[in-house]
Amino acid sequence: MSAKNPNRPFPIQREKHSTGVWGAQPKSTIPMFIKYMKLEWWLAEEAHNAYAEQHGDDITLEQIAERGGFSRVELLEWLQ
């Protein structure tokens, strides 16, 4: 758990198409991230462990949280 606050929620990025309109066809495949969702910090630690196995531990879980957390796609990948 986070040494700073074990009960702190971890952010999840929520994708919005670059058109700015929900349900519209995106003009590009690059999503914009808005309105963060949350999950339990311990579950984010599990995702980070899987992430670190493939990419190394150069970025901490705290740093990922500061940049807005994992995306939903990343979470699905790391928690399989």
N, C-alpha and C. Protein backbone atom coordinates (compact mmCIF):
# COMPACT_ATOMS: atom_id res chain seq x y z
N MET A 1 0.84 -1.19 0.00
CA MET A 1 0.00 0.00 0.00
C MET A 1 0.87 1.24 0.00
N SER A 2 0.27 2.30 -0.37
CA SER A 2 1.01 3.55 -0.41
C SER A 2 1.47 3.93 0.99
N ALA A 3 2.72 4.25 1.11
CA ALA A 3 3.24 4.65 2.42
C ALA A 3 2.62 5.97 2.88
N LYS A 4 2.23 6.81 1.93
CA LYS A 4 1.67 8.11 2.30
C LYS A 4 0.25 8.00 2.83
N ASN A 5 -0.58 7.21 2.17
CA ASN A 5 -1.99 7.06 2.58
C ASN A 5 -2.53 5.76 2.01
N PRO A 6 -2.57 4.70 2.81
CA PRO A 6 -3.00 3.39 2.30
C PRO A 6 -4.45 3.36 1.84
N ASN A 7 -5.27 4.30 2.25
CA ASN A 7 -6.67 4.32 1.85
C ASN A 7 -6.93 5.22 0.65
N ARG A 8 -5.89 5.85 0.14
CA ARG A 8 -6.04 6.76 -0.99
C ARG A 8 -6.42 5.97 -2.24
N PRO A 9 -7.43 6.44 -2.98
CA PRO A 9 -7.78 5.75 -4.22
C PRO A 9 -6.77 6.05 -5.32
N PHE A 10 -6.63 5.13 -6.24
CA PHE A 10 -5.71 5.28 -7.37
C PHE A 10 -6.53 5.70 -8.59
N PRO A 11 -6.08 6.70 -9.36
CA PRO A 11 -6.88 7.17 -10.50
C PRO A 11 -6.83 6.22 -11.70
N ILE A 12 -7.94 6.17 -12.42
CA ILE A 12 -8.03 5.47 -13.71
C ILE A 12 -8.39 6.52 -14.74
N GLN A 13 -7.66 6.55 -15.82
CA GLN A 13 -7.96 7.51 -16.88
C GLN A 13 -9.22 7.06 -17.62
N ARG A 14 -10.07 8.02 -17.93
CA ARG A 14 -11.28 7.74 -18.69
C ARG A 14 -11.12 8.38 -20.07
N GLU A 15 -11.27 7.56 -21.11
CA GLU A 15 -11.04 8.05 -22.47
C GLU A 15 -12.24 8.82 -23.00
N LYS A 16 -11.96 9.84 -23.77
CA LYS A 16 -12.96 10.60 -24.49
C LYS A 16 -12.40 10.82 -25.89
N HIS A 17 -13.21 10.59 -26.91
CA HIS A 17 -12.71 10.76 -28.27
C HIS A 17 -12.32 12.21 -28.51
N SER A 18 -11.38 12.40 -29.40
CA SER A 18 -10.83 13.73 -29.67
C SER A 18 -11.85 14.68 -30.28
N THR A 19 -13.01 14.17 -30.72
CA THR A 19 -14.04 15.05 -31.26
C THR A 19 -14.70 15.84 -30.14
N GLY A 20 -14.58 15.34 -28.89
CA GLY A 20 -15.22 16.01 -27.77
C GLY A 20 -16.68 15.64 -27.61
N VAL A 21 -17.17 14.74 -28.46
CA VAL A 21 -18.58 14.35 -28.40
C VAL A 21 -18.65 12.85 -28.13
N TRP A 22 -19.32 12.46 -27.05
CA TRP A 22 -19.45 11.05 -26.72
C TRP A 22 -20.24 10.36 -27.81
N GLY A 23 -19.77 9.18 -28.25
CA GLY A 23 -20.47 8.39 -29.24
C GLY A 23 -20.15 8.78 -30.67
N ALA A 24 -19.47 9.89 -30.88
CA ALA A 24 -19.11 10.32 -32.23
C ALA A 24 -17.89 9.55 -32.70
N GLN A 25 -17.75 9.41 -33.99
CA GLN A 25 -16.56 8.78 -34.54
C GLN A 25 -15.37 9.69 -34.31
N PRO A 26 -14.29 9.16 -33.75
CA PRO A 26 -13.12 10.01 -33.49
C PRO A 26 -12.44 10.44 -34.79
N LYS A 27 -11.89 11.65 -34.77
CA LYS A 27 -11.12 12.14 -35.92
C LYS A 27 -9.72 11.55 -35.91
N SER A 28 -9.27 11.11 -34.75
CA SER A 28 -7.99 10.44 -34.65
C SER A 28 -8.16 9.28 -33.68
N THR A 29 -7.16 8.42 -33.64
CA THR A 29 -7.23 7.29 -32.74
C THR A 29 -6.62 7.61 -31.38
N ILE A 30 -6.15 8.83 -31.18
CA ILE A 30 -5.53 9.21 -29.92
C ILE A 30 -6.60 9.74 -28.97
N PRO A 31 -6.85 9.04 -27.85
CA PRO A 31 -7.89 9.51 -26.94
C PRO A 31 -7.42 10.68 -26.09
N MET A 32 -8.35 11.48 -25.64
CA MET A 32 -8.08 12.51 -24.64
C MET A 32 -8.53 11.92 -23.31
N PHE A 33 -7.92 12.32 -22.22
CA PHE A 33 -8.26 11.75 -20.92
C PHE A 33 -8.94 12.81 -20.06
N ILE A 34 -10.12 12.50 -19.57
CA ILE A 34 -10.87 13.41 -18.71
C ILE A 34 -11.54 12.63 -17.60
N LYS A 35 -12.03 13.31 -16.62
CA LYS A 35 -12.85 12.77 -15.54
C LYS A 35 -12.33 11.43 -15.03
N TYR A 36 -11.41 11.50 -14.14
CA TYR A 36 -10.75 10.31 -13.63
C TYR A 36 -11.69 9.47 -12.76
N MET A 37 -11.55 8.16 -12.89
CA MET A 37 -12.23 7.20 -12.04
C MET A 37 -11.18 6.68 -11.05
N LYS A 38 -11.59 5.90 -10.09
CA LYS A 38 -10.66 5.45 -9.04
C LYS A 38 -10.75 3.93 -8.84
N LEU A 39 -9.68 3.35 -8.28
CA LEU A 39 -9.70 1.98 -7.80
C LEU A 39 -8.84 1.90 -6.55
N GLU A 40 -8.93 0.78 -5.87
CA GLU A 40 -8.17 0.58 -4.64
C GLU A 40 -6.67 0.58 -4.94
N TRP A 41 -5.90 1.19 -4.04
CA TRP A 41 -4.46 1.31 -4.25
C TRP A 41 -3.79 -0.06 -4.34
N TRP A 42 -4.23 -1.03 -3.54
CA TRP A 42 -3.60 -2.35 -3.56
C TRP A 42 -3.75 -3.01 -4.93
N LEU A 43 -4.86 -2.77 -5.61
CA LEU A 43 -5.06 -3.35 -6.93
C LEU A 43 -4.15 -2.66 -7.96
N ALA A 44 -3.97 -1.37 -7.80
CA ALA A 44 -3.02 -0.64 -8.65
C ALA A 44 -1.60 -1.18 -8.45
N GLU A 45 -1.26 -1.57 -7.22
CA GLU A 45 0.05 -2.16 -6.95
C GLU A 45 0.23 -3.46 -7.73
N GLU A 46 -0.83 -4.26 -7.80
CA GLU A 46 -0.77 -5.51 -8.56
C GLU A 46 -0.52 -5.22 -10.04
N ALA A 47 -1.22 -4.23 -10.58
CA ALA A 47 -1.03 -3.84 -11.97
C ALA A 47 0.39 -3.33 -12.19
N HIS A 48 0.89 -2.53 -11.25
CA HIS A 48 2.24 -1.98 -11.37
C HIS A 48 3.28 -3.10 -11.33
N ASN A 49 3.07 -4.12 -10.52
CA ASN A 49 4.01 -5.25 -10.47
C ASN A 49 4.11 -5.92 -11.83
N ALA A 50 2.97 -6.15 -12.48
CA ALA A 50 2.97 -6.77 -13.81
C ALA A 50 3.62 -5.83 -14.84
N TYR A 51 3.32 -4.54 -14.74
CA TYR A 51 3.92 -3.53 -15.62
C TYR A 51 5.44 -3.56 -15.47
N ALA A 52 5.92 -3.58 -14.23
CA ALA A 52 7.36 -3.53 -13.95
C ALA A 52 8.08 -4.77 -14.46
N GLU A 53 7.39 -5.91 -14.47
CA GLU A 53 8.01 -7.13 -15.00
C GLU A 53 8.36 -6.99 -16.48
N GLN A 54 7.54 -6.29 -17.23
CA GLN A 54 7.78 -6.11 -18.66
C GLN A 54 8.60 -4.88 -18.99
N HIS A 55 8.39 -3.80 -18.24
CA HIS A 55 9.01 -2.52 -18.61
C HIS A 55 10.04 -2.01 -17.61
N GLY A 56 10.27 -2.74 -16.55
CA GLY A 56 11.20 -2.28 -15.53
C GLY A 56 10.48 -1.36 -14.53
N ASP A 57 11.16 -1.06 -13.45
CA ASP A 57 10.52 -0.27 -12.39
C ASP A 57 11.07 1.15 -12.33
N ASP A 58 11.39 1.71 -13.49
CA ASP A 58 11.90 3.09 -13.54
C ASP A 58 10.86 4.10 -13.11
N ILE A 59 9.58 3.80 -13.33
CA ILE A 59 8.51 4.71 -12.92
C ILE A 59 7.77 4.06 -11.75
N THR A 60 7.60 4.83 -10.69
CA THR A 60 6.95 4.31 -9.50
C THR A 60 5.43 4.42 -9.64
N LEU A 61 4.74 3.72 -8.79
CA LEU A 61 3.28 3.79 -8.77
C LEU A 61 2.83 5.21 -8.42
N GLU A 62 3.55 5.86 -7.54
CA GLU A 62 3.24 7.26 -7.20
C GLU A 62 3.33 8.15 -8.43
N GLN A 63 4.36 7.96 -9.26
CA GLN A 63 4.53 8.77 -10.46
C GLN A 63 3.40 8.50 -11.46
N ILE A 64 3.00 7.24 -11.58
CA ILE A 64 1.89 6.91 -12.48
C ILE A 64 0.61 7.58 -11.99
N ALA A 65 0.39 7.57 -10.68
CA ALA A 65 -0.80 8.24 -10.12
C ALA A 65 -0.75 9.74 -10.39
N GLU A 66 0.42 10.35 -10.27
CA GLU A 66 0.56 11.79 -10.51
C GLU A 66 0.25 12.16 -11.96
N ARG A 67 0.53 11.27 -12.91
CA ARG A 67 0.25 11.55 -14.32
C ARG A 67 -1.19 11.20 -14.68
N GLY A 68 -1.97 10.74 -13.72
CA GLY A 68 -3.38 10.45 -13.98
C GLY A 68 -3.75 9.00 -13.87
N GLY A 69 -2.80 8.15 -13.53
CA GLY A 69 -3.09 6.73 -13.34
C GLY A 69 -2.96 5.93 -14.61
N PHE A 70 -3.39 4.67 -14.52
CA PHE A 70 -3.41 3.79 -15.68
C PHE A 70 -4.67 4.04 -16.47
N SER A 71 -4.63 3.75 -17.75
CA SER A 71 -5.86 3.76 -18.54
C SER A 71 -6.59 2.43 -18.28
N ARG A 72 -7.83 2.36 -18.69
CA ARG A 72 -8.58 1.11 -18.53
C ARG A 72 -7.93 -0.01 -19.33
N VAL A 73 -7.43 0.30 -20.51
CA VAL A 73 -6.77 -0.70 -21.35
C VAL A 73 -5.52 -1.23 -20.66
N GLU A 74 -4.73 -0.33 -20.08
CA GLU A 74 -3.53 -0.76 -19.36
C GLU A 74 -3.89 -1.66 -18.19
N LEU A 75 -4.92 -1.30 -17.43
CA LEU A 75 -5.32 -2.13 -16.30
C LEU A 75 -5.72 -3.52 -16.74
N LEU A 76 -6.48 -3.62 -17.82
CA LEU A 76 -6.87 -4.93 -18.32
C LEU A 76 -5.65 -5.74 -18.73
N GLU A 77 -4.69 -5.09 -19.34
CA GLU A 77 -3.47 -5.78 -19.76
C GLU A 77 -2.67 -6.28 -18.57
N TRP A 78 -2.48 -5.41 -17.57
CA TRP A 78 -1.60 -5.76 -16.45
C TRP A 78 -2.27 -6.68 -15.43
N LEU A 79 -3.59 -6.71 -15.38
CA LEU A 79 -4.28 -7.53 -14.37
C LEU A 79 -4.78 -8.87 -14.91
N GLN A 80 -4.38 -9.25 -16.12
CA GLN A 80 -4.81 -10.54 -16.68
C GLN A 80 -4.14 -11.67 -15.96
